[in-house]
N, C-alpha and C. Protein backbone atom coordinates (compact mmCIF):
# COMPACT_ATOMS: atom_id res chain seq x y z
N MET A 1 -9.16 3.25 10.36
CA MET A 1 -8.22 4.30 9.95
C MET A 1 -7.47 4.91 11.11
N ILE A 2 -6.33 5.27 10.97
CA ILE A 2 -5.50 5.79 12.02
C ILE A 2 -5.95 7.24 12.41
N PRO A 3 -6.15 7.38 13.71
CA PRO A 3 -6.62 8.76 14.21
C PRO A 3 -5.63 9.86 13.74
N ARG A 4 -6.10 10.99 13.43
CA ARG A 4 -5.29 12.16 13.09
C ARG A 4 -4.20 12.44 14.18
N SER A 5 -4.62 12.38 15.48
CA SER A 5 -3.68 12.58 16.54
C SER A 5 -2.52 11.58 16.52
N GLU A 6 -2.69 10.38 16.13
CA GLU A 6 -1.75 9.44 16.07
C GLU A 6 -0.75 9.76 14.86
N VAL A 7 -1.29 10.21 13.74
CA VAL A 7 -0.51 10.54 12.57
C VAL A 7 0.39 11.70 12.97
N GLN A 8 -0.16 12.71 13.68
CA GLN A 8 0.62 13.84 14.17
C GLN A 8 1.71 13.56 15.08
N ARG A 9 1.39 12.57 16.01
CA ARG A 9 2.43 12.11 16.99
C ARG A 9 3.57 11.36 16.39
N LEU A 10 3.17 10.50 15.48
CA LEU A 10 4.17 9.61 14.84
C LEU A 10 5.11 10.47 13.87
N ALA A 11 4.44 11.44 13.14
CA ALA A 11 5.11 12.27 12.30
C ALA A 11 6.14 13.16 12.96
N HIS A 12 5.76 13.73 14.16
CA HIS A 12 6.61 14.39 15.02
C HIS A 12 7.79 13.64 15.49
N ARG A 13 7.51 12.40 15.92
CA ARG A 13 8.57 11.44 16.41
C ARG A 13 9.50 11.15 15.39
N LEU A 14 8.98 10.81 14.15
CA LEU A 14 9.86 10.32 13.02
C LEU A 14 10.46 11.48 12.24
N LYS A 15 10.01 12.76 12.60
CA LYS A 15 10.48 13.88 11.94
C LYS A 15 10.14 13.77 10.43
N MET A 16 8.87 13.56 10.12
CA MET A 16 8.45 13.38 8.67
C MET A 16 7.14 14.01 8.49
N ASN A 17 6.84 14.34 7.23
CA ASN A 17 5.69 15.01 6.87
C ASN A 17 4.44 14.11 7.17
N GLU A 18 3.37 14.74 7.76
CA GLU A 18 2.20 13.88 8.03
C GLU A 18 1.56 13.24 6.88
N LEU A 19 1.47 13.91 5.67
CA LEU A 19 0.92 13.33 4.52
C LEU A 19 1.68 12.14 4.00
N ILE A 20 2.96 12.20 4.10
CA ILE A 20 3.85 11.06 3.67
C ILE A 20 3.58 9.87 4.62
N LEU A 21 3.48 10.13 5.93
CA LEU A 21 3.33 9.06 6.92
C LEU A 21 1.88 8.42 6.68
N GLU A 22 0.92 9.23 6.38
CA GLU A 22 -0.39 8.72 6.19
C GLU A 22 -0.45 7.88 4.88
N LYS A 23 0.27 8.36 3.76
CA LYS A 23 0.27 7.60 2.57
C LYS A 23 0.93 6.23 2.82
N ASP A 24 2.05 6.24 3.62
CA ASP A 24 2.80 4.99 3.91
C ASP A 24 1.83 4.05 4.63
N TYR A 25 1.05 4.56 5.54
CA TYR A 25 0.07 3.79 6.35
C TYR A 25 -0.95 3.12 5.32
N VAL A 26 -1.45 3.86 4.43
CA VAL A 26 -2.39 3.32 3.45
C VAL A 26 -1.77 2.33 2.54
N LEU A 27 -0.49 2.62 2.08
CA LEU A 27 0.17 1.66 1.20
C LEU A 27 0.45 0.42 1.84
N THR A 28 0.63 0.40 3.18
CA THR A 28 0.93 -0.78 3.96
C THR A 28 -0.37 -1.68 4.01
N TRP A 29 -1.46 -1.01 4.13
CA TRP A 29 -2.70 -1.75 4.14
C TRP A 29 -3.06 -2.33 2.81
N ILE A 30 -2.71 -1.60 1.73
CA ILE A 30 -2.94 -2.13 0.39
C ILE A 30 -2.05 -3.33 0.13
N LEU A 31 -0.77 -3.30 0.63
CA LEU A 31 0.03 -4.47 0.52
C LEU A 31 -0.46 -5.72 1.30
N LEU A 32 -1.00 -5.39 2.50
CA LEU A 32 -1.59 -6.50 3.26
C LEU A 32 -2.83 -7.01 2.53
N GLY A 33 -3.60 -6.25 1.87
CA GLY A 33 -4.76 -6.62 1.10
C GLY A 33 -4.41 -7.41 -0.11
N ILE A 34 -3.35 -7.06 -0.87
CA ILE A 34 -2.87 -7.82 -1.90
C ILE A 34 -2.41 -9.22 -1.37
N ALA A 35 -1.62 -9.15 -0.30
CA ALA A 35 -1.10 -10.46 0.19
C ALA A 35 -2.21 -11.44 0.54
N ASP A 36 -3.36 -10.87 0.89
CA ASP A 36 -4.53 -11.73 1.32
C ASP A 36 -5.45 -11.96 0.16
N SER A 37 -5.05 -11.78 -1.05
CA SER A 37 -5.98 -11.83 -2.15
C SER A 37 -5.46 -12.86 -3.27
N VAL A 38 -6.32 -12.97 -4.31
CA VAL A 38 -5.92 -13.88 -5.34
C VAL A 38 -4.70 -13.34 -6.23
N LEU A 39 -4.39 -12.08 -5.92
CA LEU A 39 -3.26 -11.41 -6.74
C LEU A 39 -1.93 -11.91 -6.05
N TYR A 40 -1.89 -12.30 -4.87
CA TYR A 40 -0.61 -12.58 -4.14
C TYR A 40 0.32 -13.46 -4.98
N PRO A 41 -0.07 -14.60 -5.60
CA PRO A 41 0.92 -15.38 -6.23
C PRO A 41 1.26 -14.87 -7.67
N LEU A 42 0.57 -13.83 -8.06
CA LEU A 42 0.72 -13.34 -9.49
C LEU A 42 1.71 -12.18 -9.53
N LEU A 43 2.00 -11.53 -8.39
CA LEU A 43 2.78 -10.30 -8.33
C LEU A 43 4.02 -10.37 -7.49
N ALA A 44 5.10 -9.76 -8.01
CA ALA A 44 6.31 -9.60 -7.18
C ALA A 44 6.48 -8.16 -6.88
N PHE A 45 6.60 -7.88 -5.64
CA PHE A 45 6.76 -6.46 -5.14
C PHE A 45 8.12 -6.09 -5.37
N LYS A 46 8.37 -4.79 -5.83
CA LYS A 46 9.69 -4.35 -6.13
C LYS A 46 9.76 -2.83 -6.07
N GLY A 47 10.85 -2.18 -6.14
CA GLY A 47 10.98 -0.78 -6.15
C GLY A 47 11.32 -0.14 -4.80
N GLY A 48 11.29 1.18 -4.69
CA GLY A 48 11.74 1.80 -3.49
C GLY A 48 10.89 1.53 -2.21
N THR A 49 9.57 1.33 -2.41
CA THR A 49 8.82 0.94 -1.24
C THR A 49 9.08 -0.49 -0.81
N ALA A 50 9.43 -1.34 -1.71
CA ALA A 50 9.81 -2.74 -1.39
C ALA A 50 11.05 -2.76 -0.57
N LEU A 51 12.01 -1.93 -1.09
CA LEU A 51 13.32 -1.78 -0.39
C LEU A 51 13.11 -1.34 1.03
N LYS A 52 12.33 -0.32 1.25
CA LYS A 52 12.06 0.25 2.56
C LYS A 52 11.36 -0.63 3.45
N LYS A 53 10.27 -1.33 2.93
CA LYS A 53 9.55 -2.18 3.78
C LYS A 53 10.10 -3.47 4.09
N ILE A 54 11.03 -4.06 3.26
CA ILE A 54 11.56 -5.30 3.49
C ILE A 54 13.02 -5.20 3.97
N TYR A 55 13.85 -4.41 3.45
CA TYR A 55 15.25 -4.49 3.70
C TYR A 55 15.89 -3.25 4.49
N PHE A 56 15.58 -2.11 4.08
CA PHE A 56 16.19 -0.87 4.58
C PHE A 56 15.09 0.02 5.20
N HIS A 57 14.87 -0.16 6.53
CA HIS A 57 13.77 0.66 7.19
C HIS A 57 14.03 2.07 7.32
N ASN A 58 15.41 2.49 7.09
CA ASN A 58 15.74 3.92 7.11
C ASN A 58 15.86 4.44 5.69
N TYR A 59 15.49 3.65 4.78
CA TYR A 59 15.54 4.10 3.32
C TYR A 59 14.49 5.22 3.17
N ARG A 60 14.70 5.93 2.04
CA ARG A 60 13.76 7.06 1.78
C ARG A 60 12.27 6.54 1.70
N PHE A 61 11.33 7.48 1.97
CA PHE A 61 9.98 7.05 1.83
C PHE A 61 9.58 7.16 0.42
N SER A 62 8.97 6.17 -0.17
CA SER A 62 8.48 6.11 -1.57
C SER A 62 6.97 6.03 -1.46
N GLU A 63 6.29 6.75 -2.44
CA GLU A 63 4.91 7.00 -2.35
C GLU A 63 4.09 6.11 -3.39
N ASP A 64 4.75 5.12 -3.87
CA ASP A 64 4.03 4.21 -4.83
C ASP A 64 4.35 2.74 -4.58
N LEU A 65 3.64 1.90 -5.28
CA LEU A 65 3.83 0.41 -5.18
C LEU A 65 4.17 -0.08 -6.57
N ASP A 66 5.34 -0.72 -6.73
CA ASP A 66 5.69 -1.28 -7.98
C ASP A 66 5.70 -2.79 -7.98
N PHE A 67 5.12 -3.41 -8.97
CA PHE A 67 4.99 -4.95 -9.17
C PHE A 67 5.48 -5.36 -10.45
N THR A 68 5.96 -6.61 -10.50
CA THR A 68 6.16 -7.33 -11.71
C THR A 68 5.11 -8.41 -11.72
N VAL A 69 4.50 -8.64 -12.85
CA VAL A 69 3.49 -9.73 -13.07
C VAL A 69 4.29 -10.99 -13.35
N LEU A 70 4.14 -12.00 -12.56
CA LEU A 70 4.91 -13.22 -12.59
C LEU A 70 4.47 -14.28 -13.62
N GLU A 71 3.13 -14.11 -13.95
CA GLU A 71 2.45 -15.19 -14.80
C GLU A 71 1.61 -14.40 -15.85
N LYS A 72 1.35 -15.13 -16.95
CA LYS A 72 0.52 -14.50 -17.91
C LYS A 72 -0.93 -14.39 -17.31
N VAL A 73 -1.44 -13.21 -17.27
CA VAL A 73 -2.75 -13.04 -16.69
C VAL A 73 -3.43 -11.88 -17.48
N GLU A 74 -4.73 -11.98 -17.65
CA GLU A 74 -5.45 -10.96 -18.34
C GLU A 74 -5.43 -9.62 -17.57
N SER A 75 -5.37 -8.52 -18.30
CA SER A 75 -5.33 -7.22 -17.52
C SER A 75 -6.63 -6.98 -16.78
N ASN A 76 -7.77 -7.49 -17.32
CA ASN A 76 -9.06 -7.32 -16.61
C ASN A 76 -9.02 -8.12 -15.37
N ASP A 77 -8.38 -9.24 -15.28
CA ASP A 77 -8.30 -9.94 -13.98
C ASP A 77 -7.44 -9.23 -12.91
N LEU A 78 -6.44 -8.56 -13.38
CA LEU A 78 -5.62 -7.77 -12.48
C LEU A 78 -6.39 -6.59 -11.94
N ILE A 79 -7.05 -5.93 -12.86
CA ILE A 79 -7.86 -4.75 -12.50
C ILE A 79 -9.03 -5.26 -11.46
N SER A 80 -9.65 -6.27 -11.81
CA SER A 80 -10.72 -6.87 -10.87
C SER A 80 -10.14 -7.22 -9.52
N GLY A 81 -8.94 -7.75 -9.49
CA GLY A 81 -8.33 -8.16 -8.25
C GLY A 81 -8.02 -6.93 -7.37
N LEU A 82 -7.43 -5.85 -8.13
CA LEU A 82 -7.11 -4.68 -7.36
C LEU A 82 -8.41 -3.89 -6.93
N GLU A 83 -9.46 -3.88 -7.70
CA GLU A 83 -10.70 -3.29 -7.29
C GLU A 83 -11.19 -4.01 -6.06
N ARG A 84 -11.13 -5.31 -6.03
CA ARG A 84 -11.61 -6.09 -4.89
C ARG A 84 -10.79 -5.72 -3.61
N VAL A 85 -9.52 -5.66 -3.74
CA VAL A 85 -8.59 -5.15 -2.60
C VAL A 85 -8.99 -3.85 -2.14
N ILE A 86 -9.20 -2.85 -3.02
CA ILE A 86 -9.62 -1.51 -2.63
C ILE A 86 -10.97 -1.45 -1.97
N PHE A 87 -11.90 -2.31 -2.59
CA PHE A 87 -13.29 -2.28 -2.00
C PHE A 87 -13.27 -2.93 -0.68
N ASP A 88 -12.52 -3.99 -0.42
CA ASP A 88 -12.42 -4.61 0.93
C ASP A 88 -11.86 -3.63 1.86
N LEU A 89 -10.78 -2.98 1.60
CA LEU A 89 -10.13 -2.00 2.46
C LEU A 89 -11.08 -0.81 2.79
N SER A 90 -11.82 -0.46 1.84
CA SER A 90 -12.71 0.73 2.06
C SER A 90 -13.71 0.27 3.10
N LYS A 91 -14.24 -0.95 3.08
CA LYS A 91 -15.18 -1.41 4.02
C LYS A 91 -14.51 -1.72 5.36
N SER A 92 -13.39 -2.44 5.41
CA SER A 92 -12.77 -2.74 6.65
C SER A 92 -12.09 -1.68 7.41
N GLN A 93 -11.42 -0.72 6.70
CA GLN A 93 -10.65 0.28 7.25
C GLN A 93 -11.23 1.74 7.06
N GLY A 94 -12.27 1.80 6.40
CA GLY A 94 -12.89 3.19 6.24
C GLY A 94 -12.15 4.06 5.24
N PHE A 95 -11.30 3.55 4.46
CA PHE A 95 -10.56 4.39 3.55
C PHE A 95 -11.44 4.78 2.42
N GLN A 96 -11.17 6.00 1.80
CA GLN A 96 -11.82 6.46 0.67
C GLN A 96 -10.82 6.61 -0.52
N PHE A 97 -10.99 5.96 -1.50
CA PHE A 97 -9.99 5.98 -2.61
C PHE A 97 -10.64 6.67 -3.85
N ALA A 98 -9.90 7.52 -4.60
CA ALA A 98 -10.22 8.03 -5.86
C ALA A 98 -9.26 7.62 -6.90
N ILE A 99 -9.69 6.99 -7.97
CA ILE A 99 -8.79 6.51 -8.96
C ILE A 99 -9.03 7.51 -10.17
N PRO A 100 -7.99 8.31 -10.54
CA PRO A 100 -8.21 9.23 -11.57
C PRO A 100 -8.37 8.60 -13.00
């Protein structure tokens, strides 16, 4: 996990809210987790976060991840894959996730 002092330093340098910066950090790790999982060939990343991460680095910060499913897949398989990504990130990065 990124130290609080680093979040504060980067937020000040980038002139952005600390919570948004921290969310962006976690979303980036989730994307890396998906890219390294069985979900990778099944999902196409799209939306505001995709625009910012891939094409327009100065684009507005988006706080969600949008995907299109590329192949027919059972929803339980998608859920299991996402749960695996979250579990692995919790172990490797010390993240704590709450899914409402």
